[in-house]
Amino acid sequence: MTIEFPEPTRAAAGTAEVFTGYLDYFRETLLAKVAAMPDGERRTSRLPSGWTPLELVKHLRYVELRWIEWGFEGKPFDDPWGDRNVDRWYVAADEGFAALADELRAQGAHTGEVVAATRLDEVGRPGPRWDGAAPPTLERILFHLVQEYARHVGHVDIVAELAVGAVGE
């Protein structure tokens, strides 16, 4: 699926639509770049830090889970850090790109539902996600998610260029 860049000149019904437009764009851009890689490249790191494109896909699914469900909504989770094994991102051998992409899209759909049903100035529920700090507003969380996705899409741009010669925004 390809989503058109949410140009600042395009009309939007409000700030919530702007946030979800950017999140959807970055999510689909990342998935398209990883989908264009051969499976071996998805599971291989080309960087000294050692992360792989599949690990990045799984990581971003858990980022949205931690910030929206576990954080803002205050839902309990047995393992909100399920993208990690010890001190690094982790993807099991039986986890494939298609399933991870579906999970990321489902998590993004949930984020969109929360945004559609919630005022941006609403404060999240207190809980373990905030480690004793006051919960932020939905707007602050969405701003954080946009920067997280933008940063990681830039990372995958570099990895894709190294892996298959692809370039692009």
C-alpha atoms as a PDB file:
ATOM      1  CA  MET A   1       0.000   0.000   0.000  1.00  0.00           C
ATOM      2  CA  THR A   2       1.327   3.446  -0.881  1.00  0.00           C
ATOM      3  CA  ILE A   3       0.145   6.576   0.865  1.00  0.00           C
ATOM      4  CA  GLU A   4       0.672  10.043  -0.532  1.00  0.00           C
ATOM      5  CA  PHE A   5       2.860  12.354   1.559  1.00  0.00           C
ATOM      6  CA  PRO A   6       0.665  14.551   3.793  1.00  0.00           C
ATOM      7  CA  GLU A   7       1.748  17.858   2.290  1.00  0.00           C
ATOM      8  CA  PRO A   8       1.361  20.840   4.640  1.00  0.00           C
ATOM      9  CA  THR A   9      -0.727  22.567   1.951  1.00  0.00           C
ATOM     10  CA  ARG A  10      -3.313  19.753   1.922  1.00  0.00           C
ATOM     11  CA  ALA A  11      -6.452  20.626   3.878  1.00  0.00           C
ATOM     12  CA  ALA A  12      -7.001  18.685   7.112  1.00  0.00           C
ATOM     13  CA  ALA A  13      -9.983  18.587   9.437  1.00  0.00           C
ATOM     14  CA  GLY A  14      -7.696  19.313  12.374  1.00  0.00           C
ATOM     15  CA  THR A  15      -4.480  18.492  14.167  1.00  0.00           C
ATOM     16  CA  ALA A  16      -5.558  14.926  14.921  1.00  0.00           C
ATOM     17  CA  GLU A  17      -5.900  14.249  11.193  1.00  0.00           C
ATOM     18  CA  VAL A  18      -2.463  15.744  10.592  1.00  0.00           C
ATOM     19  CA  PHE A  19      -0.912  13.446  13.194  1.00  0.00           C
ATOM     20  CA  THR A  20      -2.596  10.302  11.881  1.00  0.00           C
ATOM     21  CA  GLY A  21      -1.777  11.280   8.293  1.00  0.00           C
ATOM     22  CA  TYR A  22       1.928  11.513   9.070  1.00  0.00           C
ATOM     23  CA  LEU A  23       1.906   8.313  11.142  1.00  0.00           C
ATOM     24  CA  ASP A  24       0.140   6.405   8.367  1.00  0.00           C
ATOM     25  CA  TYR A  25       2.534   7.790   5.766  1.00  0.00           C
ATOM     26  CA  PHE A  26       5.676   6.948   7.730  1.00  0.00           C
ATOM     27  CA  ARG A  27       4.371   3.487   8.678  1.00  0.00           C
ATOM     28  CA  GLU A  28       3.579   2.565   5.066  1.00  0.00           C
ATOM     29  CA  THR A  29       6.806   4.099   3.752  1.00  0.00           C
ATOM     30  CA  LEU A  30       8.837   2.015   6.175  1.00  0.00           C
ATOM     31  CA  LEU A  31       6.921  -1.145   5.269  1.00  0.00           C
ATOM     32  CA  ALA A  32       7.330  -0.493   1.535  1.00  0.00           C
ATOM     33  CA  LYS A  33      11.087  -0.056   1.907  1.00  0.00           C
ATOM     34  CA  VAL A  34      11.441  -3.257   3.923  1.00  0.00           C
ATOM     35  CA  ALA A  35       9.126  -5.149   1.535  1.00  0.00           C
ATOM     36  CA  ALA A  36      11.398  -4.198  -1.373  1.00  0.00           C
ATOM     37  CA  MET A  37      14.347  -5.958   0.261  1.00  0.00           C
ATOM     38  CA  PRO A  38      15.091  -9.643  -0.278  1.00  0.00           C
ATOM     39  CA  ASP A  39      14.263 -11.720   2.823  1.00  0.00           C
ATOM     40  CA  GLY A  40      17.934 -12.259   3.601  1.00  0.00           C
ATOM     41  CA  GLU A  41      18.502  -8.493   3.723  1.00  0.00           C
ATOM     42  CA  ARG A  42      15.505  -8.061   6.027  1.00  0.00           C
ATOM     43  CA  ARG A  43      17.157 -10.412   8.535  1.00  0.00           C
ATOM     44  CA  THR A  44      20.707  -9.073   8.142  1.00  0.00           C
ATOM     45  CA  SER A  45      22.255  -6.038   9.734  1.00  0.00           C
ATOM     46  CA  ARG A  46      24.472  -3.747   7.720  1.00  0.00           C
ATOM     47  CA  LEU A  47      25.182  -1.487  10.684  1.00  0.00           C
ATOM     48  CA  PRO A  48      27.586  -1.666  13.641  1.00  0.00           C
ATOM     49  CA  SER A  49      24.617  -1.397  16.043  1.00  0.00           C
ATOM     50  CA  GLY A  50      23.378  -4.744  14.706  1.00  0.00           C
ATOM     51  CA  TRP A  51      19.646  -4.123  14.187  1.00  0.00           C
ATOM     52  CA  THR A  52      17.875  -5.647  11.194  1.00  0.00           C
ATOM     53  CA  PRO A  53      14.998  -4.249   9.138  1.00  0.00           C
ATOM     54  CA  LEU A  54      12.644  -6.923  10.540  1.00  0.00           C
ATOM     55  CA  GLU A  55      13.626  -5.962  14.064  1.00  0.00           C
ATOM     56  CA  LEU A  56      12.828  -2.345  13.247  1.00  0.00           C
ATOM     57  CA  VAL A  57       9.344  -3.291  11.997  1.00  0.00           C
ATOM     58  CA  LYS A  58       8.654  -5.237  15.191  1.00  0.00           C
ATOM     59  CA  HIS A  59      10.132  -2.444  17.312  1.00  0.00           C
ATOM     60  CA  LEU A  60       7.785   0.165  15.845  1.00  0.00           C
ATOM     61  CA  ARG A  61       4.757  -2.033  16.500  1.00  0.00           C
ATOM     62  CA  TYR A  62       5.787  -2.208  20.168  1.00  0.00           C
ATOM     63  CA  VAL A  63       6.554   1.514  20.262  1.00  0.00           C
ATOM     64  CA  GLU A  64       2.925   2.257  19.344  1.00  0.00           C
ATOM     65  CA  LEU A  65       1.705  -0.370  21.816  1.00  0.00           C
ATOM     66  CA  ARG A  66       3.789   1.100  24.649  1.00  0.00           C
ATOM     67  CA  TRP A  67       2.772   4.702  23.986  1.00  0.00           C
ATOM     68  CA  ILE A  68      -0.909   4.251  23.100  1.00  0.00           C
ATOM     69  CA  GLU A  69      -2.251   1.071  24.713  1.00  0.00           C
ATOM     70  CA  TRP A  70       0.047   0.505  27.690  1.00  0.00           C
ATOM     71  CA  GLY A  71       0.697   4.212  28.192  1.00  0.00           C
ATOM     72  CA  PHE A  72      -2.178   6.464  27.168  1.00  0.00           C
ATOM     73  CA  GLU A  73      -4.965   3.916  27.639  1.00  0.00           C
ATOM     74  CA  GLY A  74      -3.353   2.333  30.686  1.00  0.00           C
ATOM     75  CA  LYS A  75      -4.005  -1.234  29.533  1.00  0.00           C
ATOM     76  CA  PRO A  76      -2.023  -3.901  31.364  1.00  0.00           C
ATOM     77  CA  PHE A  77       0.495  -5.940  29.345  1.00  0.00           C
ATOM     78  CA  ASP A  78       2.549  -8.918  30.438  1.00  0.00           C
ATOM     79  CA  ASP A  79       5.391  -7.968  28.113  1.00  0.00           C
ATOM     80  CA  PRO A  80       5.198  -4.446  26.657  1.00  0.00           C
ATOM     81  CA  TRP A  81       8.885  -4.831  25.776  1.00  0.00           C
ATOM     82  CA  GLY A  82       8.257  -7.909  23.583  1.00  0.00           C
ATOM     83  CA  ASP A  83      10.429  -6.441  20.836  1.00  0.00           C
ATOM     84  CA  ARG A  84      13.500  -6.894  23.006  1.00  0.00           C
ATOM     85  CA  ASN A  85      15.664  -9.782  24.115  1.00  0.00           C
ATOM     86  CA  VAL A  86      18.093  -8.762  26.839  1.00  0.00           C
ATOM     87  CA  ASP A  87      19.305  -5.323  25.631  1.00  0.00           C
ATOM     88  CA  ARG A  88      18.514  -5.368  21.921  1.00  0.00           C
ATOM     89  CA  TRP A  89      15.670  -5.681  19.458  1.00  0.00           C
ATOM     90  CA  TYR A  90      14.754  -9.251  18.609  1.00  0.00           C
ATOM     91  CA  VAL A  91      12.845 -11.191  15.953  1.00  0.00           C
ATOM     92  CA  ALA A  92      12.489 -14.961  16.286  1.00  0.00           C
ATOM     93  CA  ALA A  93      13.363 -17.184  13.325  1.00  0.00           C
ATOM     94  CA  ASP A  94       9.680 -18.076  12.806  1.00  0.00           C
ATOM     95  CA  GLU A  95       8.560 -14.417  12.635  1.00  0.00           C
ATOM     96  CA  GLY A  96       8.239 -13.290   9.023  1.00  0.00           C
ATOM     97  CA  PHE A  97       7.825  -9.940   7.351  1.00  0.00           C
ATOM     98  CA  ALA A  98       4.174 -10.424   6.318  1.00  0.00           C
ATOM     99  CA  ALA A  99       3.010 -11.197   9.853  1.00  0.00           C
ATOM    100  CA  LEU A 100       5.098  -8.407  11.391  1.00  0.00           C
ATOM    101  CA  ALA A 101       3.763  -5.937   8.817  1.00  0.00           C
ATOM    102  CA  ASP A 102       0.181  -7.023   9.574  1.00  0.00           C
ATOM    103  CA  GLU A 103       0.805  -6.561  13.310  1.00  0.00           C
ATOM    104  CA  LEU A 104       2.260  -3.090  12.743  1.00  0.00           C
ATOM    105  CA  ARG A 105      -0.692  -2.081  10.566  1.00  0.00           C
ATOM    106  CA  ALA A 106      -3.163  -3.437  13.156  1.00  0.00           C
ATOM    107  CA  GLN A 107      -1.383  -1.470  15.878  1.00  0.00           C
ATOM    108  CA  GLY A 108      -1.548   1.618  13.659  1.00  0.00           C
ATOM    109  CA  ALA A 109      -5.276   1.071  13.092  1.00  0.00           C
ATOM    110  CA  HIS A 110      -5.747   0.951  16.857  1.00  0.00           C
ATOM    111  CA  THR A 111      -3.808   4.200  17.217  1.00  0.00           C
ATOM    112  CA  GLY A 112      -6.081   5.774  14.597  1.00  0.00           C
ATOM    113  CA  GLU A 113      -9.186   4.617  16.474  1.00  0.00           C
ATOM    114  CA  VAL A 114      -7.914   6.092  19.727  1.00  0.00           C
ATOM    115  CA  VAL A 115      -7.106   9.405  18.031  1.00  0.00           C
ATOM    116  CA  ALA A 116     -10.526   9.536  16.346  1.00  0.00           C
ATOM    117  CA  ALA A 117     -12.305   8.994  19.675  1.00  0.00           C
ATOM    118  CA  THR A 118     -10.182  11.221  21.903  1.00  0.00           C
ATOM    119  CA  ARG A 119      -9.447  14.915  22.337  1.00  0.00           C
ATOM    120  CA  LEU A 120      -5.773  15.729  21.834  1.00  0.00           C
ATOM    121  CA  ASP A 121      -5.595  17.533  25.184  1.00  0.00           C
ATOM    122  CA  GLU A 122      -6.800  14.463  27.088  1.00  0.00           C
ATOM    123  CA  VAL A 123      -4.246  13.200  29.574  1.00  0.00           C
ATOM    124  CA  GLY A 124      -3.293   9.528  29.587  1.00  0.00           C
ATOM    125  CA  ARG A 125      -4.080   7.174  32.433  1.00  0.00           C
ATOM    126  CA  PRO A 126      -1.547   6.823  35.235  1.00  0.00           C
ATOM    127  CA  GLY A 127       0.327   3.547  35.100  1.00  0.00           C
ATOM    128  CA  PRO A 128       3.659   1.753  34.930  1.00  0.00           C
ATOM    129  CA  ARG A 129       4.469   3.180  31.482  1.00  0.00           C
ATOM    130  CA  TRP A 130       5.148   6.555  33.043  1.00  0.00           C
ATOM    131  CA  ASP A 131       7.424   5.232  35.796  1.00  0.00           C
ATOM    132  CA  GLY A 132       5.858   7.524  38.412  1.00  0.00           C
ATOM    133  CA  ALA A 133       5.736  10.649  36.226  1.00  0.00           C
ATOM    134  CA  ALA A 134       2.509  12.399  35.327  1.00  0.00           C
ATOM    135  CA  PRO A 135       1.035  10.982  32.096  1.00  0.00           C
ATOM    136  CA  PRO A 136       1.259  13.207  29.008  1.00  0.00           C
ATOM    137  CA  THR A 137      -1.558  14.325  26.753  1.00  0.00           C
ATOM    138  CA  LEU A 138      -2.449  12.407  23.613  1.00  0.00           C
ATOM    139  CA  GLU A 139      -1.049  15.302  21.563  1.00  0.00           C
ATOM    140  CA  ARG A 140       2.405  14.976  23.177  1.00  0.00           C
ATOM    141  CA  ILE A 141       2.363  11.211  22.653  1.00  0.00           C
ATOM    142  CA  LEU A 142       1.447  11.595  18.980  1.00  0.00           C
ATOM    143  CA  PHE A 143       4.169  14.182  18.492  1.00  0.00           C
ATOM    144  CA  HIS A 144       6.641  11.708  19.996  1.00  0.00           C
ATOM    145  CA  LEU A 145       5.398   8.906  17.710  1.00  0.00           C
ATOM    146  CA  VAL A 146       5.767  11.093  14.600  1.00  0.00           C
ATOM    147  CA  GLN A 147       9.389  11.903  15.465  1.00  0.00           C
ATOM    148  CA  GLU A 148      10.081   8.233  16.271  1.00  0.00           C
ATOM    149  CA  TYR A 149       8.746   7.106  12.898  1.00  0.00           C
ATOM    150  CA  ALA A 150      10.483   9.902  10.967  1.00  0.00           C
ATOM    151  CA  ARG A 151      13.818   9.010  12.560  1.00  0.00           C
ATOM    152  CA  HIS A 152      13.439   5.293  11.875  1.00  0.00           C
ATOM    153  CA  VAL A 153      12.281   5.801   8.279  1.00  0.00           C
ATOM    154  CA  GLY A 154      15.521   7.722   7.771  1.00  0.00           C
ATOM    155  CA  HIS A 155      17.419   4.782   9.242  1.00  0.00           C
ATOM    156  CA  VAL A 156      15.731   2.301   6.913  1.00  0.00           C
ATOM    157  CA  ASP A 157      16.450   4.617   3.950  1.00  0.00           C
ATOM    158  CA  ILE A 158      20.163   4.165   4.611  1.00  0.00           C
ATOM    159  CA  VAL A 159      19.867   0.412   5.143  1.00  0.00           C
ATOM    160  CA  ALA A 160      17.811   0.009   1.943  1.00  0.00           C
ATOM    161  CA  GLU A 161      20.418   1.948  -0.031  1.00  0.00           C
ATOM    162  CA  LEU A 162      23.180  -0.251   1.357  1.00  0.00           C
ATOM    163  CA  ALA A 163      21.177  -3.443   0.781  1.00  0.00           C
ATOM    164  CA  VAL A 164      19.648  -2.963  -2.657  1.00  0.00           C
ATOM    165  CA  GLY A 165      20.768   0.423  -3.889  1.00  0.00           C
ATOM    166  CA  ALA A 166      17.334   1.964  -3.352  1.00  0.00           C
ATOM    167  CA  VAL A 167      17.181   5.653  -2.656  1.00  0.00           C
ATOM    168  CA  GLY A 168      14.342   7.978  -1.818  1.00  0.00           C
ATOM    169  CA  GLU A 169      12.738  10.059   0.843  1.00  0.00           C
END
